[in-house]
Amino acid sequence: MSEASSQPTNKRPVIITVICIIGFIGALFSFPLVFSSYASAVGAWYPPFLGLASVVGIIAFIGFWKMRLWALYLYFAMFLVSQIVLIVMHVWSPLAIILPIVVLIIGFSCRSRMQ
Protein backbone atom coordinates (compact mmCIF):
# COMPACT_ATOMS: atom_id res chain seq x y z
CA MET A 1 0.00 0.00 0.00
CA SER A 2 1.38 3.41 -0.88
CA GLU A 3 1.98 6.04 1.77
CA ALA A 4 -0.44 8.47 0.12
CA SER A 5 -3.35 6.04 0.30
CA SER A 6 -2.75 5.17 3.96
CA GLN A 7 -3.27 8.76 5.12
CA PRO A 8 -6.81 9.82 6.01
CA THR A 9 -8.37 12.22 3.56
CA ASN A 10 -9.90 15.44 4.81
CA LYS A 11 -11.22 16.46 1.43
CA ARG A 12 -14.47 18.37 1.81
CA PRO A 13 -17.52 16.34 0.80
CA VAL A 14 -19.75 17.91 -1.84
CA ILE A 15 -22.66 18.15 0.63
CA ILE A 16 -20.52 20.27 2.98
CA THR A 17 -19.61 22.52 0.06
CA VAL A 18 -23.30 22.91 -0.77
CA ILE A 19 -24.36 23.79 2.79
CA CYS A 20 -21.46 26.23 3.08
CA ILE A 21 -22.46 28.06 -0.10
CA ILE A 22 -26.09 28.18 1.04
CA GLY A 23 -24.93 29.35 4.48
CA PHE A 24 -22.78 32.13 3.02
CA ILE A 25 -25.68 33.31 0.84
CA GLY A 26 -28.04 33.18 3.84
CA ALA A 27 -25.62 35.23 5.91
CA LEU A 28 -25.41 37.86 3.17
CA PHE A 29 -29.20 38.18 3.23
CA SER A 30 -29.36 38.32 7.02
CA PHE A 31 -27.06 41.34 7.37
CA PRO A 32 -29.60 43.83 5.95
CA LEU A 33 -32.16 42.45 8.41
CA VAL A 34 -29.96 43.60 11.29
CA PHE A 35 -30.67 47.20 10.28
CA SER A 36 -34.34 46.71 9.44
CA SER A 37 -37.34 48.06 11.28
CA TYR A 38 -38.51 44.46 11.73
CA ALA A 39 -35.48 43.61 13.88
CA SER A 40 -35.83 46.83 15.87
CA ALA A 41 -39.51 46.12 16.47
CA VAL A 42 -38.59 42.93 18.33
CA GLY A 43 -36.51 44.92 20.80
CA ALA A 44 -33.45 47.11 21.03
CA TRP A 45 -31.33 44.07 21.93
CA TYR A 46 -32.40 42.01 18.92
CA PRO A 47 -30.45 43.74 16.08
CA PRO A 48 -27.11 43.25 17.88
CA PHE A 49 -28.05 39.63 18.63
CA LEU A 50 -28.99 39.05 14.99
CA GLY A 51 -25.72 40.65 13.87
CA LEU A 52 -23.73 38.47 16.27
CA ALA A 53 -25.59 35.36 15.14
CA SER A 54 -24.83 36.23 11.51
CA VAL A 55 -21.12 36.74 12.20
CA VAL A 56 -20.92 33.51 14.23
CA GLY A 57 -22.72 31.72 11.38
CA ILE A 58 -20.20 32.98 8.85
CA ILE A 59 -17.31 31.92 11.09
CA ALA A 60 -18.88 28.47 11.51
CA PHE A 61 -19.38 28.06 7.76
CA ILE A 62 -15.78 29.11 7.12
CA GLY A 63 -14.78 26.39 9.58
CA PHE A 64 -17.06 23.89 7.82
CA TRP A 65 -15.46 24.88 4.51
CA LYS A 66 -12.05 24.10 6.02
CA MET A 67 -13.42 20.88 7.58
CA ARG A 68 -12.72 21.98 11.15
CA LEU A 69 -14.44 20.16 13.99
CA TRP A 70 -14.70 23.33 16.10
CA ALA A 71 -17.05 24.75 13.44
CA LEU A 72 -19.55 21.98 14.07
CA TYR A 73 -19.55 22.68 17.81
CA LEU A 74 -19.74 26.45 17.26
CA TYR A 75 -22.72 26.03 14.93
CA PHE A 76 -24.39 23.70 17.43
CA ALA A 77 -23.88 26.19 20.28
CA MET A 78 -25.28 29.07 18.23
CA PHE A 79 -28.21 26.87 17.21
CA LEU A 80 -29.03 26.20 20.86
CA VAL A 81 -28.74 29.88 21.85
CA SER A 82 -30.89 30.97 18.90
CA GLN A 83 -33.59 28.41 19.70
CA ILE A 84 -33.68 29.56 23.34
CA VAL A 85 -33.97 33.20 22.24
CA LEU A 86 -36.81 32.36 19.85
CA ILE A 87 -38.65 30.41 22.55
CA VAL A 88 -38.22 33.19 25.13
CA MET A 89 -39.46 35.75 22.58
CA HIS A 90 -42.48 33.53 21.86
CA VAL A 91 -41.71 33.51 18.14
CA TRP A 92 -40.37 29.98 17.80
CA SER A 93 -41.81 27.87 15.02
CA PRO A 94 -40.96 24.42 13.68
CA LEU A 95 -39.51 26.09 10.57
CA ALA A 96 -36.81 27.67 12.75
CA ILE A 97 -35.40 24.25 13.52
CA ILE A 98 -35.55 22.43 10.17
CA LEU A 99 -32.60 23.92 8.25
CA PRO A 100 -30.20 24.04 11.23
CA ILE A 101 -31.03 20.42 12.09
CA VAL A 102 -30.26 19.40 8.48
CA VAL A 103 -26.92 21.24 8.69
CA LEU A 104 -26.14 19.57 12.03
CA ILE A 105 -27.04 16.10 10.75
CA ILE A 106 -24.78 16.59 7.74
CA GLY A 107 -22.03 18.04 9.93
CA PHE A 108 -22.15 15.22 12.46
CA SER A 109 -22.26 12.63 9.69
CA CYS A 110 -19.00 14.10 8.34
CA ARG A 111 -17.45 14.63 11.79
CA SER A 112 -14.91 11.82 11.41
CA ARG A 113 -13.47 13.58 8.34
CA MET A 114 -13.00 16.88 10.18
CA GLN A 115 -9.81 17.96 11.92
C-alpha atoms as a PDB file:
ATOM      1  CA  MET A   1       0.000   0.000   0.000  1.00  0.00           C
ATOM      2  CA  SER A   2       1.384   3.412  -0.880  1.00  0.00           C
ATOM      3  CA  GLU A   3       1.982   6.036   1.772  1.00  0.00           C
ATOM      4  CA  ALA A   4      -0.440   8.466   0.123  1.00  0.00           C
ATOM      5  CA  SER A   5      -3.349   6.038   0.301  1.00  0.00           C
ATOM      6  CA  SER A   6      -2.749   5.170   3.961  1.00  0.00           C
ATOM      7  CA  GLN A   7      -3.266   8.758   5.119  1.00  0.00           C
ATOM      8  CA  PRO A   8      -6.811   9.823   6.008  1.00  0.00           C
ATOM      9  CA  THR A   9      -8.366  12.219   3.561  1.00  0.00           C
ATOM     10  CA  ASN A  10      -9.904  15.441   4.811  1.00  0.00           C
ATOM     11  CA  LYS A  11     -11.220  16.461   1.432  1.00  0.00           C
ATOM     12  CA  ARG A  12     -14.467  18.369   1.815  1.00  0.00           C
ATOM     13  CA  PRO A  13     -17.517  16.335   0.798  1.00  0.00           C
ATOM     14  CA  VAL A  14     -19.753  17.905  -1.845  1.00  0.00           C
ATOM     15  CA  ILE A  15     -22.657  18.147   0.625  1.00  0.00           C
ATOM     16  CA  ILE A  16     -20.522  20.267   2.983  1.00  0.00           C
ATOM     17  CA  THR A  17     -19.607  22.517   0.060  1.00  0.00           C
ATOM     18  CA  VAL A  18     -23.301  22.914  -0.772  1.00  0.00           C
ATOM     19  CA  ILE A  19     -24.358  23.787   2.786  1.00  0.00           C
ATOM     20  CA  CYS A  20     -21.455  26.234   3.076  1.00  0.00           C
ATOM     21  CA  ILE A  21     -22.460  28.062  -0.098  1.00  0.00           C
ATOM     22  CA  ILE A  22     -26.095  28.180   1.040  1.00  0.00           C
ATOM     23  CA  GLY A  23     -24.932  29.348   4.477  1.00  0.00           C
ATOM     24  CA  PHE A  24     -22.779  32.133   3.020  1.00  0.00           C
ATOM     25  CA  ILE A  25     -25.678  33.307   0.843  1.00  0.00           C
ATOM     26  CA  GLY A  26     -28.038  33.180   3.836  1.00  0.00           C
ATOM     27  CA  ALA A  27     -25.623  35.233   5.908  1.00  0.00           C
ATOM     28  CA  LEU A  28     -25.414  37.855   3.165  1.00  0.00           C
ATOM     29  CA  PHE A  29     -29.196  38.176   3.226  1.00  0.00           C
ATOM     30  CA  SER A  30     -29.361  38.322   7.019  1.00  0.00           C
ATOM     31  CA  PHE A  31     -27.060  41.342   7.370  1.00  0.00           C
ATOM     32  CA  PRO A  32     -29.595  43.830   5.947  1.00  0.00           C
ATOM     33  CA  LEU A  33     -32.161  42.447   8.408  1.00  0.00           C
ATOM     34  CA  VAL A  34     -29.958  43.599  11.289  1.00  0.00           C
ATOM     35  CA  PHE A  35     -30.670  47.197  10.284  1.00  0.00           C
ATOM     36  CA  SER A  36     -34.343  46.709   9.443  1.00  0.00           C
ATOM     37  CA  SER A  37     -37.339  48.057  11.281  1.00  0.00           C
ATOM     38  CA  TYR A  38     -38.507  44.457  11.733  1.00  0.00           C
ATOM     39  CA  ALA A  39     -35.483  43.612  13.881  1.00  0.00           C
ATOM     40  CA  SER A  40     -35.825  46.831  15.872  1.00  0.00           C
ATOM     41  CA  ALA A  41     -39.514  46.124  16.471  1.00  0.00           C
ATOM     42  CA  VAL A  42     -38.591  42.930  18.328  1.00  0.00           C
ATOM     43  CA  GLY A  43     -36.505  44.919  20.797  1.00  0.00           C
ATOM     44  CA  ALA A  44     -33.450  47.113  21.034  1.00  0.00           C
ATOM     45  CA  TRP A  45     -31.331  44.066  21.930  1.00  0.00           C
ATOM     46  CA  TYR A  46     -32.396  42.015  18.921  1.00  0.00           C
ATOM     47  CA  PRO A  47     -30.452  43.744  16.076  1.00  0.00           C
ATOM     48  CA  PRO A  48     -27.108  43.249  17.883  1.00  0.00           C
ATOM     49  CA  PHE A  49     -28.053  39.632  18.633  1.00  0.00           C
ATOM     50  CA  LEU A  50     -28.990  39.050  14.986  1.00  0.00           C
ATOM     51  CA  GLY A  51     -25.724  40.647  13.875  1.00  0.00           C
ATOM     52  CA  LEU A  52     -23.732  38.473  16.272  1.00  0.00           C
ATOM     53  CA  ALA A  53     -25.592  35.357  15.144  1.00  0.00           C
ATOM     54  CA  SER A  54     -24.833  36.229  11.511  1.00  0.00           C
ATOM     55  CA  VAL A  55     -21.123  36.737  12.199  1.00  0.00           C
ATOM     56  CA  VAL A  56     -20.918  33.513  14.226  1.00  0.00           C
ATOM     57  CA  GLY A  57     -22.718  31.725  11.384  1.00  0.00           C
ATOM     58  CA  ILE A  58     -20.199  32.978   8.847  1.00  0.00           C
ATOM     59  CA  ILE A  59     -17.311  31.921  11.095  1.00  0.00           C
ATOM     60  CA  ALA A  60     -18.884  28.475  11.507  1.00  0.00           C
ATOM     61  CA  PHE A  61     -19.380  28.057   7.761  1.00  0.00           C
ATOM     62  CA  ILE A  62     -15.778  29.110   7.117  1.00  0.00           C
ATOM     63  CA  GLY A  63     -14.783  26.390   9.577  1.00  0.00           C
ATOM     64  CA  PHE A  64     -17.063  23.887   7.822  1.00  0.00           C
ATOM     65  CA  TRP A  65     -15.459  24.881   4.511  1.00  0.00           C
ATOM     66  CA  LYS A  66     -12.047  24.102   6.020  1.00  0.00           C
ATOM     67  CA  MET A  67     -13.421  20.884   7.575  1.00  0.00           C
ATOM     68  CA  ARG A  68     -12.724  21.980  11.150  1.00  0.00           C
ATOM     69  CA  LEU A  69     -14.438  20.163  13.991  1.00  0.00           C
ATOM     70  CA  TRP A  70     -14.698  23.326  16.104  1.00  0.00           C
ATOM     71  CA  ALA A  71     -17.047  24.749  13.442  1.00  0.00           C
ATOM     72  CA  LEU A  72     -19.550  21.983  14.073  1.00  0.00           C
ATOM     73  CA  TYR A  73     -19.554  22.675  17.807  1.00  0.00           C
ATOM     74  CA  LEU A  74     -19.742  26.448  17.258  1.00  0.00           C
ATOM     75  CA  TYR A  75     -22.716  26.029  14.930  1.00  0.00           C
ATOM     76  CA  PHE A  76     -24.393  23.696  17.434  1.00  0.00           C
ATOM     77  CA  ALA A  77     -23.881  26.190  20.285  1.00  0.00           C
ATOM     78  CA  MET A  78     -25.284  29.067  18.232  1.00  0.00           C
ATOM     79  CA  PHE A  79     -28.206  26.873  17.206  1.00  0.00           C
ATOM     80  CA  LEU A  80     -29.030  26.204  20.864  1.00  0.00           C
ATOM     81  CA  VAL A  81     -28.741  29.877  21.845  1.00  0.00           C
ATOM     82  CA  SER A  82     -30.894  30.971  18.902  1.00  0.00           C
ATOM     83  CA  GLN A  83     -33.591  28.408  19.702  1.00  0.00           C
ATOM     84  CA  ILE A  84     -33.684  29.561  23.338  1.00  0.00           C
ATOM     85  CA  VAL A  85     -33.968  33.196  22.243  1.00  0.00           C
ATOM     86  CA  LEU A  86     -36.814  32.363  19.846  1.00  0.00           C
ATOM     87  CA  ILE A  87     -38.646  30.414  22.553  1.00  0.00           C
ATOM     88  CA  VAL A  88     -38.225  33.191  25.129  1.00  0.00           C
ATOM     89  CA  MET A  89     -39.457  35.754  22.579  1.00  0.00           C
ATOM     90  CA  HIS A  90     -42.485  33.527  21.863  1.00  0.00           C
ATOM     91  CA  VAL A  91     -41.711  33.512  18.136  1.00  0.00           C
ATOM     92  CA  TRP A  92     -40.374  29.980  17.801  1.00  0.00           C
ATOM     93  CA  SER A  93     -41.811  27.866  15.021  1.00  0.00           C
ATOM     94  CA  PRO A  94     -40.959  24.420  13.679  1.00  0.00           C
ATOM     95  CA  LEU A  95     -39.510  26.086  10.570  1.00  0.00           C
ATOM     96  CA  ALA A  96     -36.806  27.667  12.746  1.00  0.00           C
ATOM     97  CA  ILE A  97     -35.400  24.254  13.516  1.00  0.00           C
ATOM     98  CA  ILE A  98     -35.545  22.427  10.171  1.00  0.00           C
ATOM     99  CA  LEU A  99     -32.602  23.922   8.253  1.00  0.00           C
ATOM    100  CA  PRO A 100     -30.202  24.043  11.232  1.00  0.00           C
ATOM    101  CA  ILE A 101     -31.029  20.420  12.086  1.00  0.00           C
ATOM    102  CA  VAL A 102     -30.257  19.401   8.484  1.00  0.00           C
ATOM    103  CA  VAL A 103     -26.919  21.242   8.690  1.00  0.00           C
ATOM    104  CA  LEU A 104     -26.141  19.574  12.027  1.00  0.00           C
ATOM    105  CA  ILE A 105     -27.044  16.100  10.750  1.00  0.00           C
ATOM    106  CA  ILE A 106     -24.783  16.592   7.740  1.00  0.00           C
ATOM    107  CA  GLY A 107     -22.031  18.042   9.930  1.00  0.00           C
ATOM    108  CA  PHE A 108     -22.149  15.222  12.463  1.00  0.00           C
ATOM    109  CA  SER A 109     -22.261  12.626   9.687  1.00  0.00           C
ATOM    110  CA  CYS A 110     -18.997  14.102   8.340  1.00  0.00           C
ATOM    111  CA  ARG A 111     -17.448  14.626  11.789  1.00  0.00           C
ATOM    112  CA  SER A 112     -14.910  11.824  11.409  1.00  0.00           C
ATOM    113  CA  ARG A 113     -13.468  13.579   8.344  1.00  0.00           C
ATOM    114  CA  MET A 114     -12.995  16.882  10.182  1.00  0.00           C
ATOM    115  CA  GLN A 115      -9.814  17.957  11.919  1.00  0.00           C
END
